[in-house]
Amino acid sequence: MAIDHVRVANKITFIREQVSSIKSLLTEKSKEEILSDPWLVRGIKYALQTAVEAMIDIAYHISAQKFNHAPTDSRDAFRVLSEGGLIARKDLPVYGAMVGFRNRVVHGYQEVSAERVYEIAQNELGDFERYIRQVSVLLKREENGKP
C-alpha cells in the first residue's frame, strides 16, 4: 500500500502552523500575561491538542499503509513506527506523554493546569519537529524510489 504523501504533508504543515502560532504568542506576551488570560491558555491548549492529533493521524496512516498494521490505539501506532525503524525507540515515552496530554485535554480525565500548558509550550515544542524529521526520512526515501 502507498503512503498518501499529500495527506502526510498537509498534516506536517498543520503541526508546524500550530507550533509557529504558539511560538509567536510566547514572544508577544509575557508568562504572566498568558497565565492570567484563560483564553490564551485555552488557545495554546487547543493548538497543542490538535498538533498531537495530527501526529497521531500520521502515525495511524503510516502504520496502516507502510507496515500493514491497524493500530489498537495511538501509542500502538507510534510503537509500530518505532519497530519499523521510522522513529527512535527512545522517543516513544515522549510521544506517549504527548498522547496522554491530548487525552487529558480532550476527554477531561483530569485538569491540565495553565502552568503545565505554559511549560509544555515553552520547553517541549521541539518534540513536534523531531517527529516531523523522523517521518520525513520515510517520505524522502519513498520519493527517491527506495522502500
N, C-alpha and C. Protein backbone atom coordinates (compact mmCIF):
# COMPACT_ATOMS: atom_id res chain seq x y z
N MET A 1 0.84 -1.17 0.00
CA MET A 1 0.00 0.00 0.00
C MET A 1 0.88 1.24 0.00
N ALA A 2 0.35 2.30 -0.50
CA ALA A 2 1.14 3.52 -0.64
C ALA A 2 0.76 4.56 0.40
N ILE A 3 1.77 5.25 0.85
CA ILE A 3 1.54 6.36 1.76
C ILE A 3 1.04 7.54 0.94
N ASP A 4 0.03 8.20 1.44
CA ASP A 4 -0.50 9.39 0.78
C ASP A 4 0.37 10.57 1.20
N HIS A 5 1.32 10.91 0.36
CA HIS A 5 2.29 11.95 0.68
C HIS A 5 1.64 13.31 0.87
N VAL A 6 0.61 13.60 0.10
CA VAL A 6 -0.08 14.89 0.23
C VAL A 6 -0.77 14.96 1.59
N ARG A 7 -1.42 13.91 1.96
CA ARG A 7 -2.10 13.86 3.26
C ARG A 7 -1.11 14.08 4.40
N VAL A 8 0.01 13.36 4.36
CA VAL A 8 1.02 13.49 5.41
C VAL A 8 1.62 14.89 5.39
N ALA A 9 1.92 15.40 4.21
CA ALA A 9 2.49 16.75 4.10
C ALA A 9 1.53 17.80 4.66
N ASN A 10 0.25 17.63 4.41
CA ASN A 10 -0.74 18.57 4.96
C ASN A 10 -0.77 18.52 6.48
N LYS A 11 -0.66 17.32 7.03
CA LYS A 11 -0.63 17.18 8.50
C LYS A 11 0.63 17.82 9.07
N ILE A 12 1.75 17.63 8.39
CA ILE A 12 3.01 18.24 8.84
C ILE A 12 2.90 19.76 8.80
N THR A 13 2.33 20.29 7.74
CA THR A 13 2.14 21.74 7.63
C THR A 13 1.26 22.23 8.77
N PHE A 14 0.20 21.50 9.07
CA PHE A 14 -0.69 21.89 10.16
C PHE A 14 0.05 21.92 11.49
N ILE A 15 0.84 20.87 11.76
CA ILE A 15 1.61 20.83 13.01
C ILE A 15 2.52 22.04 13.10
N ARG A 16 3.22 22.31 12.03
CA ARG A 16 4.15 23.46 12.03
C ARG A 16 3.42 24.78 12.23
N GLU A 17 2.24 24.91 11.68
CA GLU A 17 1.44 26.13 11.88
C GLU A 17 1.07 26.30 13.34
N GLN A 18 0.67 25.21 13.99
CA GLN A 18 0.29 25.29 15.40
C GLN A 18 1.49 25.68 16.25
N VAL A 19 2.62 25.03 16.00
CA VAL A 19 3.84 25.32 16.75
C VAL A 19 4.27 26.77 16.53
N SER A 20 4.21 27.21 15.29
CA SER A 20 4.59 28.59 14.98
C SER A 20 3.68 29.60 15.69
N SER A 21 2.40 29.32 15.72
CA SER A 21 1.45 30.21 16.41
C SER A 21 1.76 30.29 17.90
N ILE A 22 2.06 29.16 18.49
CA ILE A 22 2.40 29.15 19.92
C ILE A 22 3.68 29.94 20.16
N LYS A 23 4.69 29.71 19.33
CA LYS A 23 5.96 30.44 19.48
C LYS A 23 5.75 31.94 19.36
N SER A 24 4.93 32.35 18.42
CA SER A 24 4.64 33.78 18.24
C SER A 24 4.00 34.36 19.49
N LEU A 25 3.05 33.64 20.03
CA LEU A 25 2.38 34.10 21.25
C LEU A 25 3.38 34.22 22.40
N LEU A 26 4.27 33.27 22.50
CA LEU A 26 5.26 33.29 23.59
C LEU A 26 6.22 34.47 23.46
N THR A 27 6.46 34.92 22.24
CA THR A 27 7.34 36.08 22.08
C THR A 27 6.59 37.39 22.26
N GLU A 28 5.29 37.39 21.99
CA GLU A 28 4.49 38.61 22.09
C GLU A 28 3.99 38.90 23.50
N LYS A 29 3.81 37.85 24.28
CA LYS A 29 3.22 38.00 25.62
C LYS A 29 4.15 37.44 26.68
N SER A 30 4.09 38.03 27.84
CA SER A 30 4.87 37.51 28.96
C SER A 30 4.16 36.29 29.55
N LYS A 31 4.89 35.56 30.35
CA LYS A 31 4.31 34.40 31.03
C LYS A 31 3.10 34.85 31.86
N GLU A 32 3.26 35.94 32.57
CA GLU A 32 2.16 36.43 33.43
C GLU A 32 0.93 36.80 32.61
N GLU A 33 1.15 37.44 31.46
CA GLU A 33 0.02 37.81 30.59
C GLU A 33 -0.70 36.57 30.09
N ILE A 34 0.07 35.58 29.71
CA ILE A 34 -0.55 34.35 29.20
C ILE A 34 -1.31 33.63 30.30
N LEU A 35 -0.67 33.46 31.44
CA LEU A 35 -1.31 32.69 32.52
C LEU A 35 -2.52 33.41 33.12
N SER A 36 -2.56 34.72 33.00
CA SER A 36 -3.70 35.45 33.56
C SER A 36 -4.87 35.56 32.58
N ASP A 37 -4.68 35.10 31.36
CA ASP A 37 -5.74 35.17 30.35
C ASP A 37 -6.19 33.74 30.00
N PRO A 38 -7.34 33.32 30.53
CA PRO A 38 -7.78 31.94 30.28
C PRO A 38 -7.98 31.63 28.80
N TRP A 39 -8.30 32.63 27.98
CA TRP A 39 -8.48 32.38 26.56
C TRP A 39 -7.16 32.10 25.86
N LEU A 40 -6.10 32.74 26.29
CA LEU A 40 -4.78 32.44 25.73
C LEU A 40 -4.35 31.03 26.11
N VAL A 41 -4.57 30.67 27.35
CA VAL A 41 -4.23 29.31 27.79
C VAL A 41 -5.05 28.29 27.00
N ARG A 42 -6.34 28.55 26.84
CA ARG A 42 -7.18 27.63 26.05
C ARG A 42 -6.69 27.53 24.62
N GLY A 43 -6.26 28.66 24.06
CA GLY A 43 -5.75 28.66 22.69
C GLY A 43 -4.50 27.82 22.55
N ILE A 44 -3.58 27.96 23.49
CA ILE A 44 -2.35 27.14 23.47
C ILE A 44 -2.72 25.68 23.64
N LYS A 45 -3.60 25.41 24.57
CA LYS A 45 -4.01 24.03 24.83
C LYS A 45 -4.62 23.41 23.56
N TYR A 46 -5.47 24.16 22.89
CA TYR A 46 -6.10 23.66 21.67
C TYR A 46 -5.07 23.45 20.56
N ALA A 47 -4.14 24.38 20.41
CA ALA A 47 -3.10 24.23 19.38
C ALA A 47 -2.25 22.99 19.66
N LEU A 48 -1.90 22.77 20.91
CA LEU A 48 -1.13 21.58 21.28
C LEU A 48 -1.94 20.31 21.01
N GLN A 49 -3.19 20.32 21.43
CA GLN A 49 -4.06 19.16 21.25
C GLN A 49 -4.18 18.79 19.77
N THR A 50 -4.46 19.76 18.93
CA THR A 50 -4.67 19.47 17.51
C THR A 50 -3.37 19.09 16.81
N ALA A 51 -2.25 19.64 17.27
CA ALA A 51 -0.95 19.24 16.70
C ALA A 51 -0.66 17.79 17.05
N VAL A 52 -0.96 17.38 18.29
CA VAL A 52 -0.76 15.98 18.67
C VAL A 52 -1.71 15.10 17.87
N GLU A 53 -2.93 15.53 17.67
CA GLU A 53 -3.88 14.75 16.87
C GLU A 53 -3.35 14.55 15.45
N ALA A 54 -2.72 15.57 14.88
CA ALA A 54 -2.14 15.43 13.55
C ALA A 54 -0.99 14.43 13.55
N MET A 55 -0.18 14.43 14.61
CA MET A 55 0.88 13.42 14.75
C MET A 55 0.28 12.02 14.77
N ILE A 56 -0.79 11.86 15.54
CA ILE A 56 -1.46 10.57 15.66
C ILE A 56 -2.01 10.14 14.30
N ASP A 57 -2.63 11.07 13.59
CA ASP A 57 -3.16 10.76 12.26
C ASP A 57 -2.07 10.24 11.33
N ILE A 58 -0.91 10.90 11.37
CA ILE A 58 0.23 10.46 10.55
C ILE A 58 0.65 9.06 10.96
N ALA A 59 0.76 8.83 12.26
CA ALA A 59 1.20 7.52 12.76
C ALA A 59 0.22 6.41 12.34
N TYR A 60 -1.07 6.66 12.46
CA TYR A 60 -2.06 5.67 12.04
C TYR A 60 -1.94 5.39 10.55
N HIS A 61 -1.83 6.45 9.76
CA HIS A 61 -1.77 6.29 8.30
C HIS A 61 -0.54 5.47 7.89
N ILE A 62 0.62 5.83 8.42
CA ILE A 62 1.84 5.12 8.05
C ILE A 62 1.80 3.68 8.57
N SER A 63 1.28 3.48 9.78
CA SER A 63 1.17 2.12 10.32
C SER A 63 0.35 1.24 9.38
N ALA A 64 -0.75 1.78 8.92
CA ALA A 64 -1.64 1.01 8.05
C ALA A 64 -1.04 0.83 6.65
N GLN A 65 -0.55 1.89 6.07
CA GLN A 65 -0.12 1.85 4.68
C GLN A 65 1.27 1.26 4.48
N LYS A 66 2.20 1.60 5.34
CA LYS A 66 3.58 1.14 5.17
C LYS A 66 3.83 -0.20 5.86
N PHE A 67 3.25 -0.36 7.05
CA PHE A 67 3.54 -1.55 7.85
C PHE A 67 2.36 -2.52 7.93
N ASN A 68 1.29 -2.22 7.20
CA ASN A 68 0.12 -3.10 7.11
C ASN A 68 -0.39 -3.53 8.49
N HIS A 69 -0.46 -2.56 9.39
CA HIS A 69 -0.89 -2.83 10.76
C HIS A 69 -1.95 -1.81 11.16
N ALA A 70 -3.10 -2.29 11.61
CA ALA A 70 -4.13 -1.40 12.13
C ALA A 70 -3.89 -1.24 13.63
N PRO A 71 -3.38 -0.08 14.06
CA PRO A 71 -3.06 0.10 15.48
C PRO A 71 -4.29 -0.01 16.37
N THR A 72 -4.07 -0.54 17.57
CA THR A 72 -5.16 -0.65 18.54
C THR A 72 -5.44 0.68 19.21
N ASP A 73 -4.43 1.53 19.30
CA ASP A 73 -4.59 2.87 19.86
C ASP A 73 -3.41 3.73 19.42
N SER A 74 -3.38 4.96 19.88
CA SER A 74 -2.36 5.91 19.44
C SER A 74 -0.96 5.46 19.80
N ARG A 75 -0.79 5.01 21.01
CA ARG A 75 0.54 4.57 21.43
C ARG A 75 1.00 3.37 20.62
N ASP A 76 0.08 2.50 20.26
CA ASP A 76 0.41 1.35 19.43
C ASP A 76 0.89 1.82 18.05
N ALA A 77 0.28 2.85 17.53
CA ALA A 77 0.70 3.38 16.22
C ALA A 77 2.14 3.86 16.28
N PHE A 78 2.51 4.56 17.35
CA PHE A 78 3.89 5.01 17.50
C PHE A 78 4.84 3.81 17.69
N ARG A 79 4.38 2.79 18.40
CA ARG A 79 5.19 1.59 18.59
C ARG A 79 5.49 0.93 17.25
N VAL A 80 4.48 0.86 16.39
CA VAL A 80 4.66 0.27 15.06
C VAL A 80 5.71 1.07 14.27
N LEU A 81 5.64 2.38 14.36
CA LEU A 81 6.62 3.21 13.65
C LEU A 81 8.02 2.97 14.20
N SER A 82 8.11 2.79 15.50
CA SER A 82 9.41 2.52 16.12
C SER A 82 9.94 1.16 15.69
N GLU A 83 9.11 0.15 15.74
CA GLU A 83 9.54 -1.18 15.34
C GLU A 83 9.91 -1.23 13.86
N GLY A 84 9.30 -0.36 13.07
CA GLY A 84 9.62 -0.28 11.65
C GLY A 84 10.86 0.57 11.37
N GLY A 85 11.47 1.09 12.43
CA GLY A 85 12.69 1.88 12.27
C GLY A 85 12.47 3.31 11.86
N LEU A 86 11.23 3.76 11.92
CA LEU A 86 10.92 5.12 11.47
C LEU A 86 11.15 6.16 12.57
N ILE A 87 10.78 5.83 13.79
CA ILE A 87 11.03 6.74 14.90
C ILE A 87 11.90 6.02 15.93
N ALA A 88 12.66 6.79 16.66
CA ALA A 88 13.59 6.22 17.63
C ALA A 88 12.82 5.66 18.83
N ARG A 89 13.23 4.49 19.28
CA ARG A 89 12.60 3.86 20.44
C ARG A 89 12.67 4.78 21.65
N LYS A 90 13.77 5.52 21.79
CA LYS A 90 13.93 6.42 22.94
C LYS A 90 12.89 7.53 22.94
N ASP A 91 12.27 7.81 21.79
CA ASP A 91 11.25 8.85 21.71
C ASP A 91 9.85 8.36 22.05
N LEU A 92 9.66 7.05 22.16
CA LEU A 92 8.33 6.52 22.45
C LEU A 92 7.73 7.08 23.75
N PRO A 93 8.50 7.18 24.85
CA PRO A 93 7.91 7.77 26.05
C PRO A 93 7.46 9.23 25.85
N VAL A 94 8.21 9.96 25.07
CA VAL A 94 7.86 11.37 24.80
C VAL A 94 6.56 11.42 24.02
N TYR A 95 6.47 10.64 22.95
CA TYR A 95 5.25 10.65 22.14
C TYR A 95 4.07 10.08 22.92
N GLY A 96 4.34 9.12 23.77
CA GLY A 96 3.28 8.59 24.64
C GLY A 96 2.77 9.64 25.61
N ALA A 97 3.68 10.46 26.15
CA ALA A 97 3.27 11.54 27.05
C ALA A 97 2.46 12.59 26.30
N MET A 98 2.82 12.82 25.04
CA MET A 98 2.05 13.78 24.23
C MET A 98 0.63 13.26 24.01
N VAL A 99 0.50 11.97 23.75
CA VAL A 99 -0.83 11.36 23.61
C VAL A 99 -1.59 11.48 24.93
N GLY A 100 -0.91 11.24 26.04
CA GLY A 100 -1.55 11.37 27.35
C GLY A 100 -2.06 12.77 27.60
N PHE A 101 -1.26 13.77 27.24
CA PHE A 101 -1.69 15.16 27.37
C PHE A 101 -2.94 15.39 26.53
N ARG A 102 -2.89 14.95 25.29
CA ARG A 102 -4.03 15.13 24.39
C ARG A 102 -5.28 14.46 24.96
N ASN A 103 -5.13 13.26 25.51
CA ASN A 103 -6.28 12.54 26.08
C ASN A 103 -6.85 13.28 27.28
N ARG A 104 -5.99 13.81 28.13
CA ARG A 104 -6.48 14.56 29.30
C ARG A 104 -7.25 15.79 28.86
N VAL A 105 -6.75 16.47 27.84
CA VAL A 105 -7.42 17.68 27.35
C VAL A 105 -8.76 17.33 26.71
N VAL A 106 -8.75 16.35 25.82
CA VAL A 106 -9.97 16.01 25.06
C VAL A 106 -11.03 15.36 25.93
N HIS A 107 -10.62 14.41 26.74
CA HIS A 107 -11.58 13.62 27.50
C HIS A 107 -11.80 14.10 28.92
N GLY A 108 -11.04 15.09 29.32
CA GLY A 108 -11.22 15.66 30.65
C GLY A 108 -10.93 14.68 31.77
N TYR A 109 -9.99 13.75 31.52
CA TYR A 109 -9.65 12.77 32.56
C TYR A 109 -9.17 13.47 33.83
N GLN A 110 -8.44 14.55 33.63
CA GLN A 110 -8.01 15.36 34.75
C GLN A 110 -7.65 16.73 34.20
N GLU A 111 -7.77 17.70 35.03
CA GLU A 111 -7.47 19.07 34.61
C GLU A 111 -5.99 19.21 34.31
N VAL A 112 -5.69 19.93 33.25
CA VAL A 112 -4.32 20.26 32.91
C VAL A 112 -4.15 21.72 33.32
N SER A 113 -3.24 21.97 34.22
CA SER A 113 -3.08 23.33 34.75
C SER A 113 -2.53 24.27 33.70
N ALA A 114 -2.84 25.54 33.86
CA ALA A 114 -2.32 26.57 32.98
C ALA A 114 -0.80 26.58 33.02
N GLU A 115 -0.24 26.36 34.21
CA GLU A 115 1.23 26.30 34.36
C GLU A 115 1.82 25.19 33.50
N ARG A 116 1.18 24.02 33.51
CA ARG A 116 1.68 22.89 32.73
C ARG A 116 1.57 23.17 31.23
N VAL A 117 0.47 23.78 30.82
CA VAL A 117 0.30 24.15 29.41
C VAL A 117 1.41 25.10 28.99
N TYR A 118 1.68 26.09 29.82
CA TYR A 118 2.73 27.05 29.52
C TYR A 118 4.09 26.35 29.47
N GLU A 119 4.35 25.48 30.41
CA GLU A 119 5.62 24.75 30.47
C GLU A 119 5.84 23.93 29.19
N ILE A 120 4.81 23.25 28.75
CA ILE A 120 4.90 22.48 27.50
C ILE A 120 5.21 23.41 26.34
N ALA A 121 4.47 24.51 26.26
CA ALA A 121 4.66 25.45 25.17
C ALA A 121 6.07 26.05 25.18
N GLN A 122 6.57 26.31 26.34
CA GLN A 122 7.89 26.94 26.49
C GLN A 122 9.04 25.96 26.22
N ASN A 123 8.87 24.71 26.63
CA ASN A 123 10.01 23.79 26.66
C ASN A 123 9.93 22.55 25.78
N GLU A 124 8.76 22.23 25.25
CA GLU A 124 8.63 20.92 24.62
C GLU A 124 8.16 20.96 23.16
N LEU A 125 8.13 22.13 22.55
CA LEU A 125 7.67 22.22 21.16
C LEU A 125 8.61 21.51 20.19
N GLY A 126 9.87 21.38 20.56
CA GLY A 126 10.83 20.70 19.70
C GLY A 126 10.49 19.24 19.45
N ASP A 127 9.68 18.65 20.32
CA ASP A 127 9.28 17.26 20.13
C ASP A 127 8.48 17.09 18.83
N PHE A 128 7.71 18.10 18.48
CA PHE A 128 6.95 18.04 17.23
C PHE A 128 7.89 18.00 16.03
N GLU A 129 8.88 18.87 16.03
CA GLU A 129 9.81 18.93 14.89
C GLU A 129 10.64 17.66 14.80
N ARG A 130 11.03 17.08 15.92
CA ARG A 130 11.77 15.81 15.90
C ARG A 130 10.92 14.73 15.22
N TYR A 131 9.65 14.66 15.57
CA TYR A 131 8.76 13.68 14.95
C TYR A 131 8.65 13.93 13.44
N ILE A 132 8.49 15.18 13.07
CA ILE A 132 8.39 15.52 11.65
C ILE A 132 9.66 15.11 10.90
N ARG A 133 10.82 15.37 11.48
CA ARG A 133 12.08 14.98 10.83
C ARG A 133 12.14 13.46 10.65
N GLN A 134 11.71 12.73 11.66
CA GLN A 134 11.75 11.27 11.58
C GLN A 134 10.82 10.76 10.48
N VAL A 135 9.61 11.29 10.41
CA VAL A 135 8.65 10.88 9.39
C VAL A 135 9.12 11.31 8.01
N SER A 136 9.74 12.46 7.92
CA SER A 136 10.18 12.98 6.63
C SER A 136 11.24 12.10 5.98
N VAL A 137 12.02 11.38 6.78
CA VAL A 137 13.02 10.46 6.23
C VAL A 137 12.32 9.42 5.36
N LEU A 138 11.22 8.87 5.85
CA LEU A 138 10.47 7.88 5.09
C LEU A 138 9.92 8.50 3.80
N LEU A 139 9.36 9.69 3.91
CA LEU A 139 8.78 10.33 2.73
C LEU A 139 9.85 10.56 1.66
N LYS A 140 11.02 11.02 2.08
CA LYS A 140 12.11 11.26 1.12
C LYS A 140 12.58 9.96 0.49
N ARG A 141 12.69 8.91 1.30
CA ARG A 141 13.09 7.61 0.75
C ARG A 141 12.12 7.15 -0.32
N GLU A 142 10.84 7.27 -0.01
CA GLU A 142 9.82 6.83 -0.98
C GLU A 142 9.85 7.68 -2.25
N GLU A 143 10.05 8.99 -2.07
CA GLU A 143 10.12 9.87 -3.23
C GLU A 143 11.29 9.50 -4.13
N ASN A 144 12.35 8.97 -3.54
CA ASN A 144 13.54 8.56 -4.29
C ASN A 144 13.45 7.11 -4.75
N GLY A 145 12.27 6.50 -4.57
CA GLY A 145 12.05 5.14 -5.04
C GLY A 145 12.66 4.05 -4.20
N LYS A 146 12.97 4.38 -2.95
CA LYS A 146 13.55 3.38 -2.03
C LYS A 146 12.49 2.91 -1.06
N PRO A 147 12.51 1.63 -0.69
CA PRO A 147 11.49 1.11 0.24
C PRO A 147 11.67 1.61 1.65
